C-alpha cells in the first residue's frame, strides 16, 4: 500500500476534502489540523480556492450562448467522409502502475488546485464570467421574456406609431433617457409603436417594429448610470430570442428579435447611430 505520508501535504489535504483517504490517514490529518497552524492555513486556502473555482465555473455555465455561434452551428454542413481501407490496430492493454497513476493524479491536482488557489488567494477577485459582463447584462432575461410574450400579441404597443410626439415625451419622462425614434425602413422595418417595460427592477422603453415577414423587432433602452461605456455590440441568444446590446452615456440599449434573424447586428448598428 502506498504511504500517503510521503505525498505532499496539499495532495493529502485535497484527498481528505474529497473523502478519498483511509480512516488512519483521516485521523492523522485531523490531528494535524487541530495542532498545526501551517496545516490549517494550507487546508483553508485549498478549501476556499475550491469553493471560488466552483462558483466561477457555475457562472460560466450560466453565460448565454453567442448568437453568431448558434447561427454557425445551424448553418454548418457535415463533413464529407471518404471511404478508406480500415486498419485494425493491434489491441494494447494499458495498465499504469500504481506509481504512474499517482504521478498523473498529482499533476492534475496541482493544475486544478493552482487555478483554485489563484482565485482564492487574490483578494477581491471576481469570477471571469462576472468580469466579462457588460452593464446591460443584468436586464437581458427580462427583456427577452417580455419580447417572447408581447411579440405574439394582437395589440403590440401601448401607444401606436401615429403618436410619435406622445411616445417621445412619455418614455423620456418615464425612463429618464432622451432618444429619437430610428427610421429603419431602409432595412425593411416599419414602426408599430411603443410600450413601457420593467427590466432589472427599472423602467425600460421599448420601440416596436415589424419586418416584411411579420416578425417583431424591438429596440429597448434603460437608464443605469454605469460610466464604463462601450459601443461594441454584444450578441447573445436566449432560447428563441436573439439580443444585441451596447452601452453609451449611462444608458443600456438592446435590439431584440428572433434568434434566427441574421440582420440583428446590422439593425443595432443603424439604431445606435440614429437613436
Protein backbone atom coordinates (compact mmCIF):
# COMPACT_ATOMS: atom_id res chain seq x y z
CA UNK A 1 0.00 0.00 0.00
CA UNK A 2 1.28 3.48 -0.87
CA UNK A 3 2.45 5.52 2.11
CA UNK A 4 0.42 8.75 1.99
CA UNK A 5 2.82 10.41 4.44
CA UNK A 6 5.34 10.65 1.60
CA UNK A 7 2.78 12.52 -0.50
CA UNK A 8 2.87 16.37 -0.48
CA UNK A 9 0.65 17.92 2.18
CA UNK A 10 -1.53 19.69 -0.43
CA UNK A 11 -2.33 16.39 -2.14
CA UNK A 12 -3.14 14.70 1.17
CA UNK A 13 -5.49 17.55 2.19
CA UNK A 14 -7.18 17.51 -1.22
CA UNK A 15 -7.82 13.78 -0.86
CA UNK A 16 -9.13 14.46 2.65
CA UNK A 17 -11.64 17.02 1.30
CA UNK A 18 -12.75 14.53 -1.36
CA UNK A 19 -13.12 11.69 1.18
CA UNK A 20 -10.63 9.52 -0.68
CA UNK A 21 -8.30 8.51 2.17
CA UNK A 22 -8.20 5.74 4.71
CA UNK A 23 -9.51 6.09 8.23
CA UNK A 24 -5.97 6.12 9.66
CA UNK A 25 -4.88 8.88 7.28
CA UNK A 26 -8.04 10.86 8.06
CA UNK A 27 -7.35 10.67 11.80
CA UNK A 28 -3.74 11.69 11.25
CA UNK A 29 -4.72 14.75 9.17
CA UNK A 30 -7.38 15.78 11.68
CA UNK A 31 -4.76 15.68 14.42
CA UNK A 32 -2.53 17.91 12.28
CA UNK A 33 -5.39 20.31 11.57
CA UNK A 34 -6.11 20.67 15.26
CA UNK A 35 -2.50 21.16 16.32
CA UNK A 36 -0.52 22.59 13.40
CA UNK A 37 -1.30 26.21 12.23
CA UNK A 38 0.52 25.72 8.89
CA UNK A 39 -1.59 22.67 8.04
CA UNK A 40 -4.76 24.61 8.90
CA UNK A 41 -3.61 27.51 6.69
CA UNK A 42 -2.98 25.25 3.69
CA UNK A 43 -6.31 23.50 4.24
CA UNK A 44 -8.29 26.76 4.43
CA UNK A 45 -6.56 28.08 1.30
CA UNK A 46 -7.37 24.90 -0.65
CA UNK A 47 -10.96 24.84 0.58
CA UNK A 48 -11.54 28.50 -0.23
CA UNK A 49 -9.91 28.16 -3.64
CA UNK A 50 -12.05 25.13 -4.43
CA UNK A 51 -15.24 26.98 -3.46
CA UNK A 52 -14.39 30.06 -5.50
CA UNK A 53 -13.30 27.99 -8.50
CA UNK A 54 -16.55 26.02 -8.42
CA UNK A 55 -18.61 29.22 -8.25
CA UNK A 56 -16.67 30.69 -11.16
CA UNK A 57 -17.32 27.56 -13.24
CA UNK A 58 -21.04 27.71 -12.36
CA UNK A 59 -21.15 31.33 -13.57
CA UNK A 60 -19.53 30.31 -16.87
CA UNK A 61 -22.25 27.69 -17.38
CA UNK A 62 -24.91 30.40 -16.94
CA UNK A 63 -23.46 32.59 -19.67
CA UNK A 64 -25.74 32.84 -22.75
CA UNK A 65 -24.51 31.27 -25.97
CA UNK A 66 -23.27 33.87 -28.51
CA UNK A 67 -25.76 34.39 -31.32
CA UNK A 68 -23.11 34.10 -34.03
CA UNK A 69 -22.02 30.71 -32.68
CA UNK A 70 -25.58 29.36 -32.75
CA UNK A 71 -26.04 30.51 -36.34
CA UNK A 72 -22.70 28.99 -37.34
CA UNK A 73 -23.69 25.65 -35.82
CA UNK A 74 -27.07 25.70 -37.56
CA UNK A 75 -25.55 26.52 -40.96
CA UNK A 76 -22.58 24.14 -40.73
CA UNK A 77 -22.52 21.34 -43.30
CA UNK A 78 -21.49 17.85 -42.23
CA UNK A 79 -18.02 16.91 -43.48
CA UNK A 80 -17.72 14.61 -46.44
CA UNK A 81 -16.44 11.23 -45.36
CA UNK A 82 -14.07 9.43 -47.67
CA UNK A 83 -14.10 5.70 -47.67
CA UNK A 84 -10.66 4.43 -46.80
CA UNK A 85 -9.48 0.93 -46.05
CA UNK A 86 -9.93 0.19 -42.41
CA UNK A 87 -6.87 -0.59 -40.41
CA UNK A 88 -7.39 -2.52 -37.22
CA UNK A 89 -4.56 -1.76 -34.84
CA UNK A 90 -3.37 -4.47 -32.54
CA UNK A 91 -5.14 -4.27 -29.22
CA UNK A 92 -3.00 -2.97 -26.40
CA UNK A 93 -3.89 -3.09 -22.75
CA UNK A 94 -2.60 -0.04 -20.95
CA UNK A 95 -2.37 -0.73 -17.27
CA UNK A 96 -0.42 2.00 -15.48
CA UNK A 97 1.47 1.05 -12.39
CA UNK A 98 0.46 2.47 -9.03
CA UNK A 99 3.44 4.86 -9.14
CA UNK A 100 2.41 6.13 -12.63
CA UNK A 101 -1.23 6.57 -11.61
CA UNK A 102 -0.22 8.56 -8.53
CA UNK A 103 2.07 10.81 -10.61
CA UNK A 104 -0.74 11.54 -13.10
CA UNK A 105 -3.18 12.28 -10.27
CA UNK A 106 -0.73 14.71 -8.65
CA UNK A 107 -0.20 16.55 -11.96
CA UNK A 108 -3.96 17.00 -12.40
CA UNK A 109 -4.33 18.05 -8.77
CA UNK A 110 -1.71 20.80 -8.99
CA UNK A 111 -3.13 22.12 -12.28
CA UNK A 112 -6.67 22.34 -10.85
CA UNK A 113 -5.52 23.45 -7.44
CA UNK A 114 -3.40 26.21 -8.97
CA UNK A 115 -6.46 27.71 -10.67
CA UNK A 116 -8.50 27.50 -7.47
CA UNK A 117 -5.63 28.89 -5.40
CA UNK A 118 -5.27 31.84 -7.79
CA UNK A 119 -8.92 32.75 -7.33
CA UNK A 120 -8.89 32.11 -3.60
CA UNK A 121 -5.62 33.90 -2.81
CA UNK A 122 -6.35 37.09 -4.81
CA UNK A 123 -8.25 39.49 -2.52
CA UNK A 124 -11.35 40.96 -4.10
CA UNK A 125 -11.00 38.81 -7.20
CA UNK A 126 -14.16 38.20 -9.27
CA UNK A 127 -15.12 35.24 -11.46
CA UNK A 128 -14.10 35.71 -15.09
CA UNK A 129 -17.71 35.43 -16.25
CA UNK A 130 -18.72 38.28 -13.93
CA UNK A 131 -15.87 40.50 -15.08
CA UNK A 132 -16.85 39.96 -18.73
CA UNK A 133 -20.42 41.09 -18.20
CA UNK A 134 -21.48 44.30 -19.90
CA UNK A 135 -23.50 46.92 -17.97
CA UNK A 136 -26.65 45.80 -19.82
CA UNK A 137 -26.20 42.15 -18.97
CA UNK A 138 -28.47 42.07 -15.92
CA UNK A 139 -31.63 43.01 -17.79
CA UNK A 140 -31.37 40.62 -20.73
CA UNK A 141 -33.53 37.88 -19.21
CA UNK A 142 -36.34 40.36 -18.51
CA UNK A 143 -36.47 41.94 -21.96
CA UNK A 144 -36.14 38.55 -23.68
CA UNK A 145 -39.06 37.16 -21.61
CA UNK A 146 -41.16 40.25 -22.34
CA UNK A 147 -40.42 40.04 -26.07
CA UNK A 148 -41.33 36.36 -26.12
CA UNK A 149 -44.81 37.30 -24.84
CA UNK A 150 -45.53 40.65 -26.48
CA UNK A 151 -44.27 39.67 -29.95
CA UNK A 152 -47.27 37.35 -30.34
CA UNK A 153 -49.96 39.71 -29.06
CA UNK A 154 -52.59 41.24 -31.31
CA UNK A 155 -52.00 44.68 -29.75
CA UNK A 156 -48.24 45.17 -29.85
CA UNK A 157 -48.00 48.69 -28.48
CA UNK A 158 -49.43 50.84 -25.72
CA UNK A 159 -49.13 53.91 -27.94
CA UNK A 160 -49.38 53.49 -31.74
CA UNK A 161 -46.87 54.75 -34.29
CA UNK A 162 -49.11 57.70 -35.17
CA UNK A 163 -48.46 59.30 -31.76
CA UNK A 164 -44.74 59.96 -32.16
CA UNK A 165 -44.64 63.12 -30.04
CA UNK A 166 -46.55 61.46 -27.19
CA UNK A 167 -44.24 58.41 -27.33
CA UNK A 168 -41.08 60.51 -27.02
CA UNK A 169 -42.47 62.61 -24.16
CA UNK A 170 -43.87 59.60 -22.31
CA UNK A 171 -40.84 57.31 -22.48
CA UNK A 172 -38.30 60.12 -21.97
CA UNK A 173 -40.06 61.12 -18.76
CA UNK A 174 -40.65 57.55 -17.55
CA UNK A 175 -37.24 56.08 -18.36
CA UNK A 176 -35.10 59.21 -17.99
CA UNK A 177 -33.45 58.81 -21.40
CA UNK A 178 -33.58 61.30 -24.26
CA UNK A 179 -33.96 59.49 -27.58
CA UNK A 180 -35.08 59.67 -31.20
CA UNK A 181 -37.27 57.09 -32.90
CA UNK A 182 -34.98 55.48 -35.54
CA UNK A 183 -36.25 55.25 -39.10
CA UNK A 184 -35.50 51.65 -40.09
CA UNK A 185 -37.41 51.46 -43.36
CA UNK A 186 -34.10 51.04 -45.20
CA UNK A 187 -33.73 47.62 -43.57
CA UNK A 188 -37.35 46.65 -44.17
CA UNK A 189 -38.75 47.52 -40.72
CA UNK A 190 -41.92 49.53 -40.13
CA UNK A 191 -42.51 51.33 -36.83
CA UNK A 192 -45.52 49.98 -34.90
CA UNK A 193 -45.48 51.98 -31.67
CA UNK A 194 -44.06 51.79 -28.15
CA UNK A 195 -44.60 50.42 -24.68
CA UNK A 196 -43.08 50.69 -21.19
CA UNK A 197 -41.44 47.61 -19.62
CA UNK A 198 -39.88 46.77 -16.28
CA UNK A 199 -36.40 45.21 -16.56
CA UNK A 200 -33.97 44.60 -13.68
CA UNK A 201 -36.44 46.48 -11.47
CA UNK A 202 -36.21 49.66 -13.58
CA UNK A 203 -38.45 51.27 -16.22
CA UNK A 204 -37.34 50.43 -19.76
CA UNK A 205 -38.59 51.89 -23.03
CA UNK A 206 -39.41 49.65 -25.99
CA UNK A 207 -39.85 50.78 -29.61
CA UNK A 208 -41.57 48.12 -31.69
CA UNK A 209 -41.01 47.35 -35.39
CA UNK A 210 -42.13 44.67 -37.84
CA UNK A 211 -40.40 43.25 -40.90
CA UNK A 212 -41.97 42.04 -44.14
CA UNK A 213 -42.39 38.52 -42.73
CA UNK A 214 -44.34 39.81 -39.73
CA UNK A 215 -41.52 39.20 -37.26
CA UNK A 216 -41.33 41.67 -34.39
CA UNK A 217 -38.06 43.52 -33.76
CA UNK A 218 -37.84 45.71 -30.65
CA UNK A 219 -35.43 48.44 -29.58
CA UNK A 220 -35.11 48.66 -25.78
CA UNK A 221 -33.29 51.18 -23.57
CA UNK A 222 -32.78 51.55 -19.83
CA UNK A 223 -31.02 54.16 -17.66
CA UNK A 224 -28.41 52.51 -15.43
CA UNK A 225 -25.88 55.33 -14.82
CA UNK A 226 -22.94 52.97 -15.44
CA UNK A 227 -19.91 55.01 -16.52
CA UNK A 228 -17.80 52.44 -18.41
CA UNK A 229 -19.34 52.99 -21.85
CA UNK A 230 -18.79 50.58 -24.72
CA UNK A 231 -20.09 50.96 -28.25
CA UNK A 232 -19.08 47.36 -29.02
CA UNK A 233 -22.05 45.15 -29.81
CA UNK A 234 -22.55 42.00 -27.74
CA UNK A 235 -24.68 39.31 -29.39
CA UNK A 236 -26.32 36.66 -27.19
CA UNK A 237 -29.18 34.22 -27.56
CA UNK A 238 -31.94 33.42 -25.07
CA UNK A 239 -33.57 30.26 -26.45
CA UNK A 240 -35.61 31.52 -29.45
CA UNK A 241 -34.83 35.21 -28.84
CA UNK A 242 -31.68 36.96 -30.06
CA UNK A 243 -30.37 40.09 -28.32
CA UNK A 244 -27.72 42.59 -29.42
CA UNK A 245 -26.65 45.00 -26.66
CA UNK A 246 -24.39 48.03 -26.27
CA UNK A 247 -23.92 50.84 -23.74
CA UNK A 248 -23.48 54.60 -24.03
CA UNK A 249 -23.86 57.69 -21.82
CA UNK A 250 -25.21 55.82 -18.79
CA UNK A 251 -27.83 54.00 -20.87
CA UNK A 252 -28.08 50.33 -21.83
CA UNK A 253 -29.50 49.59 -25.28
CA UNK A 254 -30.66 46.37 -26.92
CA UNK A 255 -32.16 45.17 -30.20
CA UNK A 256 -34.35 42.11 -29.65
CA UNK A 257 -35.77 39.72 -32.24
CA UNK A 258 -35.93 36.11 -33.42
CA UNK A 259 -32.66 34.30 -32.80
CA UNK A 260 -32.60 33.09 -36.42
CA UNK A 261 -32.61 36.67 -37.78
CA UNK A 262 -29.11 37.31 -39.11
CA UNK A 263 -29.74 41.07 -39.53
CA UNK A 264 -29.98 41.95 -35.82
CA UNK A 265 -26.38 43.15 -35.64
CA UNK A 266 -26.83 45.39 -38.71
CA UNK A 267 -30.09 46.76 -37.24
CA UNK A 268 -28.27 47.50 -33.96
CA UNK A 269 -25.64 49.50 -35.87
CA UNK A 270 -28.31 51.64 -37.51
CA UNK A 271 -30.20 52.11 -34.25
CA UNK A 272 -27.02 53.11 -32.40
CA UNK A 273 -26.39 55.90 -34.93
CA UNK A 274 -29.99 57.15 -35.05
CA UNK A 275 -31.40 56.83 -31.53
